[in-house]
Amino acid sequence: MALKILQWNCLSVNNNRADLLRLIDLYKFDIIVLSETWLLPGSHFHIRGFSIFRDDREDGYGGAAILVHNYLTFSPIHININ
C-alpha cells in the first residue's frame, strides 16, 4: 500500500481549516505535515481520525504539526539534541 502524504505551508491552520478538511476528504491522506500552523501552545486543534504532534511557538507564529491517520501503527521517538 502506498502512503498518501501532504506537505503544506498553511499560513494559519485555523484560518485554512476548511481547505484542509476538503483536501483530506478529496485525497484521503495518511500523513499530513503542516508548516506555519500559527497555533498558540495549549490551544485546541483536532482533526477527526488523526493523531496530531505539534511544535508551537510562544508568539503564535511559525509552528509545525504532523498528523498521522489513526489506522496507521506508529511510535514517536523522542531525541535529545544537546
PDB file of N, CA and C in Angstrom:
ATOM      1  N   MET A   1       0.837  -1.177   0.000  1.00  0.00           N
ATOM      2  CA  MET A   1       0.000   0.000   0.000  1.00  0.00           C
ATOM      3  C   MET A   1       0.883   1.243   0.000  1.00  0.00           C
ATOM      4  N   ALA A   2       0.657   2.126  -0.910  1.00  0.00           N
ATOM      5  CA  ALA A   2       1.389   3.388  -0.972  1.00  0.00           C
ATOM      6  C   ALA A   2       0.733   4.407  -0.046  1.00  0.00           C
ATOM      7  N   LEU A   3       1.551   5.118   0.713  1.00  0.00           N
ATOM      8  CA  LEU A   3       1.021   6.149   1.598  1.00  0.00           C
ATOM      9  C   LEU A   3       0.779   7.439   0.821  1.00  0.00           C
ATOM     10  N   LYS A   4      -0.287   8.129   1.166  1.00  0.00           N
ATOM     11  CA  LYS A   4      -0.571   9.446   0.610  1.00  0.00           C
ATOM     12  C   LYS A   4      -0.169  10.475   1.650  1.00  0.00           C
ATOM     13  N   ILE A   5       0.778  11.340   1.284  1.00  0.00           N
ATOM     14  CA  ILE A   5       1.333  12.306   2.216  1.00  0.00           C
ATOM     15  C   ILE A   5       1.161  13.711   1.651  1.00  0.00           C
ATOM     16  N   LEU A   6       0.667  14.607   2.501  1.00  0.00           N
ATOM     17  CA  LEU A   6       0.540  16.018   2.142  1.00  0.00           C
ATOM     18  C   LEU A   6       1.527  16.826   2.956  1.00  0.00           C
ATOM     19  N   GLN A   7       2.286  17.716   2.312  1.00  0.00           N
ATOM     20  CA  GLN A   7       3.105  18.712   2.993  1.00  0.00           C
ATOM     21  C   GLN A   7       2.567  20.059   2.558  1.00  0.00           C
ATOM     22  N   TRP A   8       2.221  20.921   3.538  1.00  0.00           N
ATOM     23  CA  TRP A   8       1.556  22.178   3.202  1.00  0.00           C
ATOM     24  C   TRP A   8       2.009  23.288   4.143  1.00  0.00           C
ATOM     25  N   ASN A   9       2.447  24.394   3.584  1.00  0.00           N
ATOM     26  CA  ASN A   9       2.712  25.613   4.342  1.00  0.00           C
ATOM     27  C   ASN A   9       1.378  26.344   4.394  1.00  0.00           C
ATOM     28  N   CYS A  10       0.628  26.136   5.469  1.00  0.00           N
ATOM     29  CA  CYS A  10      -0.780  26.552   5.516  1.00  0.00           C
ATOM     30  C   CYS A  10      -1.002  27.989   5.964  1.00  0.00           C
ATOM     31  N   LEU A  11       0.012  28.656   6.501  1.00  0.00           N
ATOM     32  CA  LEU A  11      -0.128  30.056   6.936  1.00  0.00           C
ATOM     33  C   LEU A  11      -1.394  30.271   7.751  1.00  0.00           C
ATOM     34  N   SER A  12      -1.499  29.560   8.841  1.00  0.00           N
ATOM     35  CA  SER A  12      -2.603  29.551   9.807  1.00  0.00           C
ATOM     36  C   SER A  12      -3.577  28.416   9.513  1.00  0.00           C
ATOM     37  N   VAL A  13      -3.380  27.334  10.220  1.00  0.00           N
ATOM     38  CA  VAL A  13      -4.228  26.160  10.015  1.00  0.00           C
ATOM     39  C   VAL A  13      -5.673  26.442  10.433  1.00  0.00           C
ATOM     40  N   ASN A  14      -5.871  27.309  11.421  1.00  0.00           N
ATOM     41  CA  ASN A  14      -7.250  27.637  11.798  1.00  0.00           C
ATOM     42  C   ASN A  14      -7.966  28.426  10.704  1.00  0.00           C
ATOM     43  N   ASN A  15      -7.264  29.377  10.091  1.00  0.00           N
ATOM     44  CA  ASN A  15      -7.875  30.155   9.010  1.00  0.00           C
ATOM     45  C   ASN A  15      -8.103  29.331   7.750  1.00  0.00           C
ATOM     46  N   ASN A  16      -7.338  28.249   7.583  1.00  0.00           N
ATOM     47  CA  ASN A  16      -7.447  27.412   6.387  1.00  0.00           C
ATOM     48  C   ASN A  16      -7.985  26.018   6.700  1.00  0.00           C
ATOM     49  N   ARG A  17      -8.668  25.885   7.824  1.00  0.00           N
ATOM     50  CA  ARG A  17      -9.200  24.591   8.251  1.00  0.00           C
ATOM     51  C   ARG A  17     -10.152  23.983   7.221  1.00  0.00           C
ATOM     52  N   ALA A  18     -11.040  24.787   6.661  1.00  0.00           N
ATOM     53  CA  ALA A  18     -11.999  24.268   5.672  1.00  0.00           C
ATOM     54  C   ALA A  18     -11.268  23.709   4.453  1.00  0.00           C
ATOM     55  N   ASP A  19     -10.207  24.389   4.016  1.00  0.00           N
ATOM     56  CA  ASP A  19      -9.418  23.889   2.887  1.00  0.00           C
ATOM     57  C   ASP A  19      -8.730  22.576   3.241  1.00  0.00           C
ATOM     58  N   LEU A  20      -8.182  22.496   4.460  1.00  0.00           N
ATOM     59  CA  LEU A  20      -7.526  21.265   4.891  1.00  0.00           C
ATOM     60  C   LEU A  20      -8.516  20.108   4.928  1.00  0.00           C
ATOM     61  N   LEU A  21      -9.684  20.324   5.496  1.00  0.00           N
ATOM     62  CA  LEU A  21     -10.699  19.260   5.560  1.00  0.00           C
ATOM     63  C   LEU A  21     -11.140  18.831   4.162  1.00  0.00           C
ATOM     64  N   ARG A  22     -11.252  19.784   3.249  1.00  0.00           N
ATOM     65  CA  ARG A  22     -11.629  19.465   1.870  1.00  0.00           C
ATOM     66  C   ARG A  22     -10.549  18.614   1.206  1.00  0.00           C
ATOM     67  N   LEU A  23      -9.273  18.967   1.418  1.00  0.00           N
ATOM     68  CA  LEU A  23      -8.171  18.184   0.864  1.00  0.00           C
ATOM     69  C   LEU A  23      -8.149  16.768   1.425  1.00  0.00           C
ATOM     70  N   ILE A  24      -8.360  16.654   2.735  1.00  0.00           N
ATOM     71  CA  ILE A  24      -8.389  15.325   3.361  1.00  0.00           C
ATOM     72  C   ILE A  24      -9.511  14.484   2.782  1.00  0.00           C
ATOM     73  N   ASP A  25     -10.687  15.078   2.628  1.00  0.00           N
ATOM     74  CA  ASP A  25     -11.834  14.357   2.085  1.00  0.00           C
ATOM     75  C   ASP A  25     -11.591  13.934   0.633  1.00  0.00           C
ATOM     76  N   LEU A  26     -10.970  14.803  -0.137  1.00  0.00           N
ATOM     77  CA  LEU A  26     -10.751  14.541  -1.559  1.00  0.00           C
ATOM     78  C   LEU A  26      -9.655  13.513  -1.805  1.00  0.00           C
ATOM     79  N   TYR A  27      -8.534  13.630  -1.071  1.00  0.00           N
ATOM     80  CA  TYR A  27      -7.361  12.801  -1.357  1.00  0.00           C
ATOM     81  C   TYR A  27      -7.096  11.689  -0.358  1.00  0.00           C
ATOM     82  N   LYS A  28      -7.807  11.661   0.755  1.00  0.00           N
ATOM     83  CA  LYS A  28      -7.668  10.573   1.751  1.00  0.00           C
ATOM     84  C   LYS A  28      -6.208  10.390   2.183  1.00  0.00           C
ATOM     85  N   PHE A  29      -5.581  11.470   2.646  1.00  0.00           N
ATOM     86  CA  PHE A  29      -4.179  11.412   3.069  1.00  0.00           C
ATOM     87  C   PHE A  29      -4.006  10.521   4.290  1.00  0.00           C
ATOM     88  N   ASP A  30      -2.842   9.878   4.352  1.00  0.00           N
ATOM     89  CA  ASP A  30      -2.465   9.059   5.502  1.00  0.00           C
ATOM     90  C   ASP A  30      -1.658   9.871   6.511  1.00  0.00           C
ATOM     91  N   ILE A  31      -0.804  10.740   5.993  1.00  0.00           N
ATOM     92  CA  ILE A  31       0.067  11.572   6.813  1.00  0.00           C
ATOM     93  C   ILE A  31       0.024  12.992   6.253  1.00  0.00           C
ATOM     94  N   ILE A  32      -0.048  13.969   7.160  1.00  0.00           N
ATOM     95  CA  ILE A  32      -0.074  15.374   6.760  1.00  0.00           C
ATOM     96  C   ILE A  32       0.986  16.105   7.567  1.00  0.00           C
ATOM     97  N   VAL A  33       1.822  16.869   6.891  1.00  0.00           N
ATOM     98  CA  VAL A  33       2.872  17.655   7.528  1.00  0.00           C
ATOM     99  C   VAL A  33       2.570  19.125   7.246  1.00  0.00           C
ATOM    100  N   LEU A  34       2.329  19.886   8.305  1.00  0.00           N
ATOM    101  CA  LEU A  34       1.955  21.293   8.162  1.00  0.00           C
ATOM    102  C   LEU A  34       3.048  22.193   8.724  1.00  0.00           C
ATOM    103  N   SER A  35       3.379  23.236   7.984  1.00  0.00           N
ATOM    104  CA  SER A  35       4.279  24.271   8.491  1.00  0.00           C
ATOM    105  C   SER A  35       3.507  25.580   8.583  1.00  0.00           C
ATOM    106  N   GLU A  36       4.045  26.501   9.383  1.00  0.00           N
ATOM    107  CA  GLU A  36       3.375  27.793   9.614  1.00  0.00           C
ATOM    108  C   GLU A  36       1.934  27.598  10.100  1.00  0.00           C
ATOM    109  N   THR A  37       1.789  26.763  11.140  1.00  0.00           N
ATOM    110  CA  THR A  37       0.446  26.482  11.668  1.00  0.00           C
ATOM    111  C   THR A  37      -0.140  27.667  12.418  1.00  0.00           C
ATOM    112  N   TRP A  38       0.704  28.497  12.989  1.00  0.00           N
ATOM    113  CA  TRP A  38       0.310  29.694  13.737  1.00  0.00           C
ATOM    114  C   TRP A  38      -0.619  29.356  14.910  1.00  0.00           C
ATOM    115  N   LEU A  39      -0.340  28.275  15.592  1.00  0.00           N
ATOM    116  CA  LEU A  39      -1.117  27.890  16.777  1.00  0.00           C
ATOM    117  C   LEU A  39      -0.365  28.303  18.038  1.00  0.00           C
ATOM    118  N   LEU A  40      -1.105  28.735  19.033  1.00  0.00           N
ATOM    119  CA  LEU A  40      -0.513  29.042  20.328  1.00  0.00           C
ATOM    120  C   LEU A  40      -0.356  27.757  21.138  1.00  0.00           C
ATOM    121  N   PRO A  41       0.713  27.656  21.923  1.00  0.00           N
ATOM    122  CA  PRO A  41       0.848  26.483  22.786  1.00  0.00           C
ATOM    123  C   PRO A  41      -0.387  26.334  23.680  1.00  0.00           C
ATOM    124  N   GLY A  42      -0.889  25.122  23.765  1.00  0.00           N
ATOM    125  CA  GLY A  42      -2.051  24.846  24.598  1.00  0.00           C
ATOM    126  C   GLY A  42      -3.385  25.097  23.924  1.00  0.00           C
ATOM    127  N   SER A  43      -3.379  25.677  22.728  1.00  0.00           N
ATOM    128  CA  SER A  43      -4.652  25.911  22.032  1.00  0.00           C
ATOM    129  C   SER A  43      -5.194  24.596  21.480  1.00  0.00           C
ATOM    130  N   HIS A  44      -6.509  24.524  21.366  1.00  0.00           N
ATOM    131  CA  HIS A  44      -7.161  23.301  20.891  1.00  0.00           C
ATOM    132  C   HIS A  44      -7.105  23.235  19.369  1.00  0.00           C
ATOM    133  N   PHE A  45      -6.651  22.100  18.856  1.00  0.00           N
ATOM    134  CA  PHE A  45      -6.705  21.836  17.421  1.00  0.00           C
ATOM    135  C   PHE A  45      -6.820  20.338  17.247  1.00  0.00           C
ATOM    136  N   HIS A  46      -7.839  19.890  16.541  1.00  0.00           N
ATOM    137  CA  HIS A  46      -8.102  18.466  16.365  1.00  0.00           C
ATOM    138  C   HIS A  46      -8.686  18.233  14.986  1.00  0.00           C
ATOM    139  N   ILE A  47      -8.254  17.167  14.342  1.00  0.00           N
ATOM    140  CA  ILE A  47      -8.853  16.707  13.084  1.00  0.00           C
ATOM    141  C   ILE A  47      -9.292  15.274  13.319  1.00  0.00           C
ATOM    142  N   ARG A  48     -10.576  15.018  13.154  1.00  0.00           N
ATOM    143  CA  ARG A  48     -11.125  13.684  13.414  1.00  0.00           C
ATOM    144  C   ARG A  48     -10.386  12.624  12.595  1.00  0.00           C
ATOM    145  N   GLY A  49     -10.007  11.540  13.285  1.00  0.00           N
ATOM    146  CA  GLY A  49      -9.360  10.414  12.629  1.00  0.00           C
ATOM    147  C   GLY A  49      -7.843  10.494  12.597  1.00  0.00           C
ATOM    148  N   PHE A  50      -7.268  11.568  13.149  1.00  0.00           N
ATOM    149  CA  PHE A  50      -5.823  11.751  13.107  1.00  0.00           C
ATOM    150  C   PHE A  50      -5.251  11.982  14.504  1.00  0.00           C
ATOM    151  N   SER A  51      -4.054  11.437  14.730  1.00  0.00           N
ATOM    152  CA  SER A  51      -3.240  11.812  15.881  1.00  0.00           C
ATOM    153  C   SER A  51      -2.397  12.994  15.436  1.00  0.00           C
ATOM    154  N   ILE A  52      -2.221  13.965  16.338  1.00  0.00           N
ATOM    155  CA  ILE A  52      -1.524  15.194  15.957  1.00  0.00           C
ATOM    156  C   ILE A  52      -0.344  15.432  16.894  1.00  0.00           C
ATOM    157  N   PHE A  53       0.804  15.726  16.296  1.00  0.00           N
ATOM    158  CA  PHE A  53       2.018  16.080  17.015  1.00  0.00           C
ATOM    159  C   PHE A  53       2.377  17.503  16.598  1.00  0.00           C
ATOM    160  N   ARG A  54       2.497  18.391  17.577  1.00  0.00           N
ATOM    161  CA  ARG A  54       2.696  19.812  17.290  1.00  0.00           C
ATOM    162  C   ARG A  54       3.945  20.355  17.949  1.00  0.00           C
ATOM    163  N   ASP A  55       4.491  21.387  17.309  1.00  0.00           N
ATOM    164  CA  ASP A  55       5.557  22.191  17.896  1.00  0.00           C
ATOM    165  C   ASP A  55       5.170  23.643  17.642  1.00  0.00           C
ATOM    166  N   ASP A  56       4.589  24.294  18.664  1.00  0.00           N
ATOM    167  CA  ASP A  56       4.075  25.659  18.540  1.00  0.00           C
ATOM    168  C   ASP A  56       5.094  26.648  19.082  1.00  0.00           C
ATOM    169  N   ARG A  57       5.087  27.844  18.522  1.00  0.00           N
ATOM    170  CA  ARG A  57       5.917  28.924  19.053  1.00  0.00           C
ATOM    171  C   ARG A  57       5.112  29.730  20.060  1.00  0.00           C
ATOM    172  N   GLU A  58       5.793  30.318  21.027  1.00  0.00           N
ATOM    173  CA  GLU A  58       5.131  31.092  22.073  1.00  0.00           C
ATOM    174  C   GLU A  58       4.364  32.296  21.529  1.00  0.00           C
ATOM    175  N   ASP A  59       4.831  32.880  20.421  1.00  0.00           N
ATOM    176  CA  ASP A  59       4.181  34.081  19.884  1.00  0.00           C
ATOM    177  C   ASP A  59       3.019  33.758  18.948  1.00  0.00           C
ATOM    178  N   GLY A  60       2.759  32.478  18.706  1.00  0.00           N
ATOM    179  CA  GLY A  60       1.631  32.095  17.865  1.00  0.00           C
ATOM    180  C   GLY A  60       1.909  32.142  16.376  1.00  0.00           C
ATOM    181  N   TYR A  61       3.134  32.412  15.996  1.00  0.00           N
ATOM    182  CA  TYR A  61       3.501  32.361  14.574  1.00  0.00           C
ATOM    183  C   TYR A  61       4.412  31.172  14.356  1.00  0.00           C
ATOM    184  N   GLY A  62       4.706  30.883  13.101  1.00  0.00           N
ATOM    185  CA  GLY A  62       5.539  29.715  12.825  1.00  0.00           C
ATOM    186  C   GLY A  62       4.794  28.462  13.247  1.00  0.00           C
ATOM    187  N   GLY A  63       5.514  27.517  13.754  1.00  0.00           N
ATOM    188  CA  GLY A  63       4.911  26.274  14.239  1.00  0.00           C
ATOM    189  C   GLY A  63       4.778  25.220  13.154  1.00  0.00           C
ATOM    190  N   ALA A  64       4.713  23.978  13.609  1.00  0.00           N
ATOM    191  CA  ALA A  64       4.594  22.841  12.697  1.00  0.00           C
ATOM    192  C   ALA A  64       3.728  21.773  13.342  1.00  0.00           C
ATOM    193  N   ALA A  65       3.142  20.936  12.504  1.00  0.00           N
ATOM    194  CA  ALA A  65       2.325  19.825  13.004  1.00  0.00           C
ATOM    195  C   ALA A  65       2.454  18.643  12.050  1.00  0.00           C
ATOM    196  N   ILE A  66       2.408  17.469  12.630  1.00  0.00           N
ATOM    197  CA  ILE A  66       2.357  16.233  11.858  1.00  0.00           C
ATOM    198  C   ILE A  66       1.083  15.510  12.269  1.00  0.00           C
ATOM    199  N   LEU A  67       0.266  15.169  11.293  1.00  0.00           N
ATOM    200  CA  LEU A  67      -0.985  14.443  11.533  1.00  0.00           C
ATOM    201  C   LEU A  67      -0.834  13.053  10.937  1.00  0.00           C
ATOM    202  N   VAL A  68      -1.088  12.037  11.742  1.00  0.00           N
ATOM    203  CA  VAL A  68      -0.967  10.649  11.308  1.00  0.00           C
ATOM    204  C   VAL A  68      -2.334   9.996  11.454  1.00  0.00           C
ATOM    205  N   HIS A  69      -2.825   9.418  10.370  1.00  0.00           N
ATOM    206  CA  HIS A  69      -4.141   8.793  10.425  1.00  0.00           C
ATOM    207  C   HIS A  69      -4.151   7.679  11.462  1.00  0.00           C
ATOM    208  N   ASN A  70      -5.251   7.567  12.185  1.00  0.00           N
ATOM    209  CA  ASN A  70      -5.343   6.619  13.302  1.00  0.00           C
ATOM    210  C   ASN A  70      -5.248   5.158  12.898  1.00  0.00           C
ATOM    211  N   TYR A  71      -5.463   4.814  11.637  1.00  0.00           N
ATOM    212  CA  TYR A  71      -5.348   3.404  11.250  1.00  0.00           C
ATOM    213  C   TYR A  71      -3.898   2.981  11.041  1.00  0.00           C
ATOM    214  N   LEU A  72      -2.973   3.926  11.074  1.00  0.00           N
ATOM    215  CA  LEU A  72      -1.552   3.594  10.952  1.00  0.00           C
ATOM    216  C   LEU A  72      -0.965   3.311  12.332  1.00  0.00           C
ATOM    217  N   THR A  73      -0.146   2.296  12.416  1.00  0.00           N
ATOM    218  CA  THR A  73       0.571   1.980  13.644  1.00  0.00           C
ATOM    219  C   THR A  73       1.887   2.738  13.623  1.00  0.00           C
ATOM    220  N   PHE A  74       2.160   3.476  14.692  1.00  0.00           N
ATOM    221  CA  PHE A  74       3.395   4.257  14.746  1.00  0.00           C
ATOM    222  C   PHE A  74       3.811   4.428  16.200  1.00  0.00           C
ATOM    223  N   SER A  75       5.071   4.789  16.381  1.00  0.00           N
ATOM    224  CA  SER A  75       5.611   5.086  17.704  1.00  0.00           C
ATOM    225  C   SER A  75       6.483   6.329  17.592  1.00  0.00           C
ATOM    226  N   PRO A  76       6.132   7.386  18.284  1.00  0.00           N
ATOM    227  CA  PRO A  76       7.014   8.565  18.276  1.00  0.00           C
ATOM    228  C   PRO A  76       8.345   8.230  18.945  1.00  0.00           C
ATOM    229  N   ILE A  77       9.405   8.800  18.431  1.00  0.00           N
ATOM    230  CA  ILE A  77      10.736   8.613  19.006  1.00  0.00           C
ATOM    231  C   ILE A  77      11.202   9.985  19.456  1.00  0.00           C
ATOM    232  N   HIS A  78      11.498  10.129  20.747  1.00  0.00           N
ATOM    233  CA  HIS A  78      11.978  11.389  21.290  1.00  0.00           C
ATOM    234  C   HIS A  78      13.501  11.393  21.292  1.00  0.00           C
ATOM    235  N   ILE A  79      14.068  12.406  20.672  1.00  0.00           N
ATOM    236  CA  ILE A  79      15.514  12.509  20.540  1.00  0.00           C
ATOM    237  C   ILE A  79      15.994  13.738  21.293  1.00  0.00           C
ATOM    238  N   ASN A  80      16.945  13.557  22.200  1.00  0.00           N
ATOM    239  CA  ASN A  80      17.571  14.682  22.892  1.00  0.00           C
ATOM    240  C   ASN A  80      18.730  15.181  22.068  1.00  0.00           C
ATOM    241  N   ILE A  81      18.686  16.471  21.732  1.00  0.00           N
ATOM    242  CA  ILE A  81      19.778  17.077  20.996  1.00  0.00           C
ATOM    243  C   ILE A  81      20.394  18.145  21.902  1.00  0.00           C
ATOM    244  N   ASN A  82      21.615  17.923  22.302  1.00  0.00           N
ATOM    245  CA  ASN A  82      22.296  18.862  23.200  1.00  0.00           C
ATOM    246  C   ASN A  82      23.508  19.446  22.538  1.00  0.00           C
TER     247      ASN A  82
END
